[in-house]
Amino acid sequence: MGGKCPHRHVKKRRYSHKTARRTKFELKGDDMVYAQLNITDQERPSLPLDEDLPGMGQYYCLHCDRYFSNIAVRDEHFKTKRHKKRVKQMMGPAPHTQLDADLAAGMGMPDNGPKLMSM
C-alpha cells in the first residue's frame, strides 16, 4: 500500500520543461529593440528568407521581436494588449542599457578628472 508518491517526479519534469521552453523563445533586450526602432526605414535591411523561422521570416513585429506564420496572424497580434503595451513602452524614454547598469554598480570607467597633458 505504501511507497513513494507518484507525483514527485512529475514536478521535476515540469520544472525542467518550463525552463527549456523559456530559453527557446528568448527575445532581444529592450535596449536592442529600442535601437532598431530609431533606425529609419531606408537604413533598415529587408527581411531575408529563412526556412527555420515561422512564415519564412517575412512577417515580423519589430516592437515585440516576434515572427508570425502569415500576415493575418501578425495583424491579429497588432490588436492585442501585449503589443499595444510594448509599443507604448518603446515610444517612451530609452530603456536602461548594460553600460548604465555597470556605472550604477561602480564598475564603469574611473573618472580621474580632465587630463592635464596629452601624450
C-alpha atoms as a PDB file:
ATOM      1  CA  MET A   1       0.000   0.000   0.000  1.00  0.00           C
ATOM      2  CA  GLY A   2       2.717   2.458   0.877  1.00  0.00           C
ATOM      3  CA  GLY A   3       5.540   3.561  -1.319  1.00  0.00           C
ATOM      4  CA  LYS A   4       6.734   6.711  -2.963  1.00  0.00           C
ATOM      5  CA  CYS A   5       4.409   9.399  -4.154  1.00  0.00           C
ATOM      6  CA  PRO A   6       3.977   9.061  -7.948  1.00  0.00           C
ATOM      7  CA  HIS A   7       3.756  12.836  -8.399  1.00  0.00           C
ATOM      8  CA  ARG A   8       7.220  13.535  -7.009  1.00  0.00           C
ATOM      9  CA  HIS A   9       8.980  13.087 -10.360  1.00  0.00           C
ATOM     10  CA  VAL A  10       6.308  14.908 -12.351  1.00  0.00           C
ATOM     11  CA  LYS A  11       7.103  18.211 -10.636  1.00  0.00           C
ATOM     12  CA  LYS A  12      10.747  17.861 -11.519  1.00  0.00           C
ATOM     13  CA  ARG A  13       9.950  17.181 -15.177  1.00  0.00           C
ATOM     14  CA  ARG A  14       7.509  20.052 -15.317  1.00  0.00           C
ATOM     15  CA  TYR A  15      10.112  22.490 -13.985  1.00  0.00           C
ATOM     16  CA  SER A  16      12.783  21.469 -16.479  1.00  0.00           C
ATOM     17  CA  HIS A  17      10.223  21.635 -19.274  1.00  0.00           C
ATOM     18  CA  LYS A  18       9.368  25.226 -18.358  1.00  0.00           C
ATOM     19  CA  THR A  19      12.997  26.307 -18.384  1.00  0.00           C
ATOM     20  CA  ALA A  20      13.557  24.662 -21.748  1.00  0.00           C
ATOM     21  CA  ARG A  21      10.541  26.470 -23.219  1.00  0.00           C
ATOM     22  CA  ARG A  22      11.638  29.762 -21.708  1.00  0.00           C
ATOM     23  CA  THR A  23      15.072  29.645 -23.330  1.00  0.00           C
ATOM     24  CA  LYS A  24      13.615  28.548 -26.671  1.00  0.00           C
ATOM     25  CA  PHE A  25      11.806  31.858 -27.186  1.00  0.00           C
ATOM     26  CA  GLU A  26      14.405  34.297 -25.906  1.00  0.00           C
ATOM     27  CA  LEU A  27      13.774  37.814 -27.080  1.00  0.00           C
ATOM     28  CA  LYS A  28      16.134  40.681 -27.668  1.00  0.00           C
ATOM     29  CA  GLY A  29      16.625  43.103 -24.829  1.00  0.00           C
ATOM     30  CA  ASP A  30      14.604  46.296 -24.650  1.00  0.00           C
ATOM     31  CA  ASP A  31      17.660  48.413 -25.418  1.00  0.00           C
ATOM     32  CA  MET A  32      18.381  46.478 -28.630  1.00  0.00           C
ATOM     33  CA  VAL A  33      14.765  46.759 -29.826  1.00  0.00           C
ATOM     34  CA  TYR A  34      14.757  50.488 -28.981  1.00  0.00           C
ATOM     35  CA  ALA A  35      17.921  50.988 -31.046  1.00  0.00           C
ATOM     36  CA  GLN A  36      16.362  49.183 -34.029  1.00  0.00           C
ATOM     37  CA  LEU A  37      13.241  51.340 -33.813  1.00  0.00           C
ATOM     38  CA  ASN A  38      15.315  54.520 -34.025  1.00  0.00           C
ATOM     39  CA  ILE A  39      16.813  53.435 -37.370  1.00  0.00           C
ATOM     40  CA  THR A  40      14.982  54.899 -40.370  1.00  0.00           C
ATOM     41  CA  ASP A  41      13.196  52.613 -42.838  1.00  0.00           C
ATOM     42  CA  GLN A  42      15.756  53.292 -45.580  1.00  0.00           C
ATOM     43  CA  GLU A  43      18.659  52.121 -43.370  1.00  0.00           C
ATOM     44  CA  ARG A  44      16.807  49.013 -42.105  1.00  0.00           C
ATOM     45  CA  PRO A  45      17.559  45.978 -44.291  1.00  0.00           C
ATOM     46  CA  SER A  46      14.732  43.903 -45.748  1.00  0.00           C
ATOM     47  CA  LEU A  47      13.934  40.587 -44.090  1.00  0.00           C
ATOM     48  CA  PRO A  48      15.807  37.663 -45.672  1.00  0.00           C
ATOM     49  CA  LEU A  49      14.067  34.348 -46.346  1.00  0.00           C
ATOM     50  CA  ASP A  50      14.758  31.886 -43.538  1.00  0.00           C
ATOM     51  CA  GLU A  51      13.272  28.383 -43.558  1.00  0.00           C
ATOM     52  CA  ASP A  52      13.745  27.934 -39.813  1.00  0.00           C
ATOM     53  CA  LEU A  53      11.518  30.873 -38.846  1.00  0.00           C
ATOM     54  CA  PRO A  54       7.715  30.897 -38.994  1.00  0.00           C
ATOM     55  CA  GLY A  55       6.396  32.264 -42.288  1.00  0.00           C
ATOM     56  CA  MET A  56       9.902  32.088 -43.793  1.00  0.00           C
ATOM     57  CA  GLY A  57      10.833  35.060 -41.594  1.00  0.00           C
ATOM     58  CA  GLN A  58       8.758  37.564 -43.578  1.00  0.00           C
ATOM     59  CA  TYR A  59       6.096  38.513 -41.003  1.00  0.00           C
ATOM     60  CA  TYR A  60       7.884  40.216 -38.118  1.00  0.00           C
ATOM     61  CA  CYS A  61       6.802  42.527 -35.304  1.00  0.00           C
ATOM     62  CA  LEU A  62       9.675  44.891 -34.621  1.00  0.00           C
ATOM     63  CA  HIS A  63       8.349  46.090 -31.259  1.00  0.00           C
ATOM     64  CA  CYS A  64       7.818  42.607 -29.784  1.00  0.00           C
ATOM     65  CA  ASP A  65      10.673  40.849 -31.651  1.00  0.00           C
ATOM     66  CA  ARG A  66       8.383  38.045 -32.864  1.00  0.00           C
ATOM     67  CA  TYR A  67       7.905  36.228 -36.161  1.00  0.00           C
ATOM     68  CA  PHE A  68       4.477  35.079 -37.387  1.00  0.00           C
ATOM     69  CA  SER A  69       3.331  32.390 -39.786  1.00  0.00           C
ATOM     70  CA  ASN A  70       1.204  34.662 -42.003  1.00  0.00           C
ATOM     71  CA  ILE A  71       0.002  38.226 -42.323  1.00  0.00           C
ATOM     72  CA  ALA A  72      -3.398  37.535 -40.743  1.00  0.00           C
ATOM     73  CA  VAL A  73      -1.809  36.276 -37.527  1.00  0.00           C
ATOM     74  CA  ARG A  74       0.548  39.265 -37.448  1.00  0.00           C
ATOM     75  CA  ASP A  75      -2.317  41.714 -37.949  1.00  0.00           C
ATOM     76  CA  GLU A  76      -4.253  39.985 -35.173  1.00  0.00           C
ATOM     77  CA  HIS A  77      -1.187  40.379 -32.934  1.00  0.00           C
ATOM     78  CA  PHE A  78      -1.165  44.123 -33.598  1.00  0.00           C
ATOM     79  CA  LYS A  79      -4.583  44.342 -31.899  1.00  0.00           C
ATOM     80  CA  THR A  80      -3.514  42.593 -28.688  1.00  0.00           C
ATOM     81  CA  LYS A  81      -2.986  44.223 -25.328  1.00  0.00           C
ATOM     82  CA  ARG A  82       0.587  42.931 -25.075  1.00  0.00           C
ATOM     83  CA  HIS A  83       1.600  44.567 -28.369  1.00  0.00           C
ATOM     84  CA  LYS A  84      -0.037  47.880 -27.501  1.00  0.00           C
ATOM     85  CA  LYS A  85       1.726  47.990 -24.126  1.00  0.00           C
ATOM     86  CA  ARG A  86       5.024  47.191 -25.820  1.00  0.00           C
ATOM     87  CA  VAL A  87       4.574  49.983 -28.395  1.00  0.00           C
ATOM     88  CA  LYS A  88       3.766  52.450 -25.608  1.00  0.00           C
ATOM     89  CA  GLN A  89       6.850  51.323 -23.673  1.00  0.00           C
ATOM     90  CA  MET A  90       9.127  51.725 -26.710  1.00  0.00           C
ATOM     91  CA  MET A  91       7.786  55.199 -27.515  1.00  0.00           C
ATOM     92  CA  GLY A  92       8.740  56.409 -24.028  1.00  0.00           C
ATOM     93  CA  PRO A  93      12.220  57.173 -22.688  1.00  0.00           C
ATOM     94  CA  ALA A  94      15.148  54.975 -23.650  1.00  0.00           C
ATOM     95  CA  PRO A  95      15.426  51.782 -21.577  1.00  0.00           C
ATOM     96  CA  HIS A  96      18.463  51.136 -19.424  1.00  0.00           C
ATOM     97  CA  THR A  97      21.496  49.606 -21.101  1.00  0.00           C
ATOM     98  CA  GLN A  98      24.272  47.399 -19.766  1.00  0.00           C
ATOM     99  CA  LEU A  99      26.527  50.454 -19.545  1.00  0.00           C
ATOM    100  CA  ASP A 100      24.014  52.151 -17.218  1.00  0.00           C
ATOM    101  CA  ALA A 101      23.954  49.064 -15.006  1.00  0.00           C
ATOM    102  CA  ASP A 102      27.749  48.907 -14.840  1.00  0.00           C
ATOM    103  CA  LEU A 103      28.026  52.587 -13.950  1.00  0.00           C
ATOM    104  CA  ALA A 104      25.380  52.248 -11.232  1.00  0.00           C
ATOM    105  CA  ALA A 105      27.280  49.305  -9.734  1.00  0.00           C
ATOM    106  CA  GLY A 106      30.544  51.265  -9.743  1.00  0.00           C
ATOM    107  CA  MET A 107      32.116  49.081 -12.414  1.00  0.00           C
ATOM    108  CA  GLY A 108      32.466  51.733 -15.101  1.00  0.00           C
ATOM    109  CA  MET A 109      35.499  53.684 -16.194  1.00  0.00           C
ATOM    110  CA  PRO A 110      37.058  55.682 -13.344  1.00  0.00           C
ATOM    111  CA  ASP A 111      36.615  59.426 -13.509  1.00  0.00           C
ATOM    112  CA  ASN A 112      40.050  60.864 -12.769  1.00  0.00           C
ATOM    113  CA  GLY A 113      39.221  64.369 -13.903  1.00  0.00           C
ATOM    114  CA  PRO A 114      40.437  66.174 -17.028  1.00  0.00           C
ATOM    115  CA  LYS A 115      43.824  65.241 -18.451  1.00  0.00           C
ATOM    116  CA  LEU A 116      46.448  67.893 -17.916  1.00  0.00           C
ATOM    117  CA  MET A 117      48.878  66.736 -20.546  1.00  0.00           C
ATOM    118  CA  SER A 118      48.212  64.706 -23.662  1.00  0.00           C
ATOM    119  CA  MET A 119      50.957  62.471 -24.934  1.00  0.00           C
END
